[in-house]
Amino acid sequence: MENKSDIRVCKSCGAKVKVLEDCKCAGCGIQCCGKEMETINS
């Protein structure tokens, strides 16, 4: 596991999460308000 983490933000409500280890499955991602969250740093 890498020592890197991302912060994701929901563009609808502004919720933020810190990702320790992201999913590697195709078509999978962290969602909020029914939409995939966007990475704001890496």
N, C-alpha and C. Protein backbone atom coordinates (compact mmCIF):
# COMPACT_ATOMS: atom_id res chain seq x y z
N MET A 1 0.84 -1.20 0.00
CA MET A 1 0.00 0.00 0.00
C MET A 1 0.87 1.24 0.00
N GLU A 2 0.53 2.20 -0.85
CA GLU A 2 1.28 3.44 -0.93
C GLU A 2 1.01 4.31 0.29
N ASN A 3 1.91 5.23 0.54
CA ASN A 3 1.77 6.16 1.65
C ASN A 3 1.07 7.44 1.22
N LYS A 4 0.25 7.38 0.20
CA LYS A 4 -0.42 8.53 -0.38
C LYS A 4 -1.91 8.44 -0.10
N SER A 5 -2.55 9.56 0.18
CA SER A 5 -4.00 9.55 0.33
C SER A 5 -4.59 10.75 -0.40
N ASP A 6 -5.79 10.59 -0.86
CA ASP A 6 -6.50 11.65 -1.58
C ASP A 6 -7.62 12.19 -0.71
N ILE A 7 -7.98 13.43 -0.97
CA ILE A 7 -9.18 13.99 -0.35
C ILE A 7 -10.18 14.17 -1.48
N ARG A 8 -11.39 13.66 -1.28
CA ARG A 8 -12.45 13.76 -2.28
C ARG A 8 -13.53 14.70 -1.76
N VAL A 9 -14.14 15.43 -2.68
CA VAL A 9 -15.21 16.36 -2.32
C VAL A 9 -16.43 16.10 -3.20
N CYS A 10 -17.60 16.24 -2.60
CA CYS A 10 -18.86 16.16 -3.34
C CYS A 10 -19.18 17.55 -3.86
N LYS A 11 -19.37 17.67 -5.17
CA LYS A 11 -19.68 18.97 -5.77
C LYS A 11 -21.11 19.42 -5.49
N SER A 12 -21.97 18.49 -5.03
CA SER A 12 -23.36 18.86 -4.73
C SER A 12 -23.50 19.44 -3.32
N CYS A 13 -22.98 18.72 -2.30
CA CYS A 13 -23.22 19.15 -0.91
C CYS A 13 -21.95 19.61 -0.18
N GLY A 14 -20.78 19.38 -0.78
CA GLY A 14 -19.54 19.84 -0.16
C GLY A 14 -18.91 18.87 0.84
N ALA A 15 -19.50 17.69 1.01
CA ALA A 15 -18.93 16.70 1.93
C ALA A 15 -17.53 16.32 1.45
N LYS A 16 -16.62 16.06 2.41
CA LYS A 16 -15.25 15.67 2.08
C LYS A 16 -14.88 14.39 2.80
N VAL A 17 -14.11 13.53 2.10
CA VAL A 17 -13.62 12.29 2.70
C VAL A 17 -12.14 12.14 2.38
N LYS A 18 -11.42 11.49 3.28
CA LYS A 18 -10.01 11.17 3.05
C LYS A 18 -9.94 9.70 2.67
N VAL A 19 -9.39 9.40 1.50
CA VAL A 19 -9.30 8.04 0.99
C VAL A 19 -7.95 7.46 1.40
N LEU A 20 -7.99 6.38 2.17
CA LEU A 20 -6.76 5.72 2.58
C LEU A 20 -6.32 4.70 1.53
N GLU A 21 -7.28 3.94 1.00
CA GLU A 21 -7.00 2.99 -0.06
C GLU A 21 -8.23 2.91 -0.95
N ASP A 22 -8.07 3.31 -2.21
CA ASP A 22 -9.20 3.38 -3.13
C ASP A 22 -9.49 2.01 -3.74
N CYS A 23 -10.71 1.81 -4.16
CA CYS A 23 -11.13 0.60 -4.84
C CYS A 23 -10.49 0.53 -6.22
N LYS A 24 -10.13 -0.66 -6.65
CA LYS A 24 -9.49 -0.83 -7.97
C LYS A 24 -10.44 -1.46 -8.99
N CYS A 25 -11.69 -1.69 -8.63
CA CYS A 25 -12.67 -2.30 -9.53
C CYS A 25 -13.07 -1.33 -10.65
N ALA A 26 -13.31 -1.86 -11.84
CA ALA A 26 -13.76 -1.04 -12.97
C ALA A 26 -15.17 -0.52 -12.69
N GLY A 27 -15.40 0.75 -12.98
CA GLY A 27 -16.72 1.34 -12.82
C GLY A 27 -17.14 1.58 -11.37
N CYS A 28 -16.20 1.51 -10.45
CA CYS A 28 -16.49 1.68 -9.03
C CYS A 28 -15.85 2.98 -8.55
N GLY A 29 -16.43 3.60 -7.58
CA GLY A 29 -15.87 4.83 -7.03
C GLY A 29 -16.64 5.28 -5.81
N ILE A 30 -16.05 6.20 -5.07
CA ILE A 30 -16.72 6.75 -3.89
C ILE A 30 -17.76 7.76 -4.36
N GLN A 31 -19.00 7.57 -3.89
CA GLN A 31 -20.09 8.43 -4.33
C GLN A 31 -20.76 9.14 -3.16
N CYS A 32 -21.33 10.29 -3.46
CA CYS A 32 -22.13 11.06 -2.51
C CYS A 32 -23.20 11.76 -3.35
N CYS A 33 -24.39 11.87 -2.85
CA CYS A 33 -25.51 12.50 -3.58
C CYS A 33 -25.72 11.87 -4.95
N GLY A 34 -25.39 10.56 -5.08
CA GLY A 34 -25.60 9.84 -6.32
C GLY A 34 -24.57 10.12 -7.41
N LYS A 35 -23.50 10.87 -7.09
CA LYS A 35 -22.46 11.20 -8.08
C LYS A 35 -21.10 10.84 -7.52
N GLU A 36 -20.16 10.51 -8.44
CA GLU A 36 -18.80 10.20 -8.01
C GLU A 36 -18.14 11.46 -7.45
N MET A 37 -17.44 11.30 -6.35
CA MET A 37 -16.76 12.44 -5.72
C MET A 37 -15.47 12.76 -6.48
N GLU A 38 -15.06 14.03 -6.47
CA GLU A 38 -13.88 14.48 -7.19
C GLU A 38 -12.68 14.62 -6.26
N THR A 39 -11.50 14.26 -6.75
CA THR A 39 -10.27 14.40 -6.00
C THR A 39 -9.83 15.86 -5.98
N ILE A 40 -9.49 16.38 -4.80
CA ILE A 40 -9.02 17.77 -4.73
C ILE A 40 -7.53 17.86 -4.45
N ASN A 41 -6.88 16.74 -4.07
CA ASN A 41 -5.41 16.71 -3.95
C ASN A 41 -4.94 15.29 -3.96
N SER A 42 -3.68 15.10 -4.23
CA SER A 42 -3.14 13.74 -4.25
C SER A 42 -1.70 13.73 -3.77
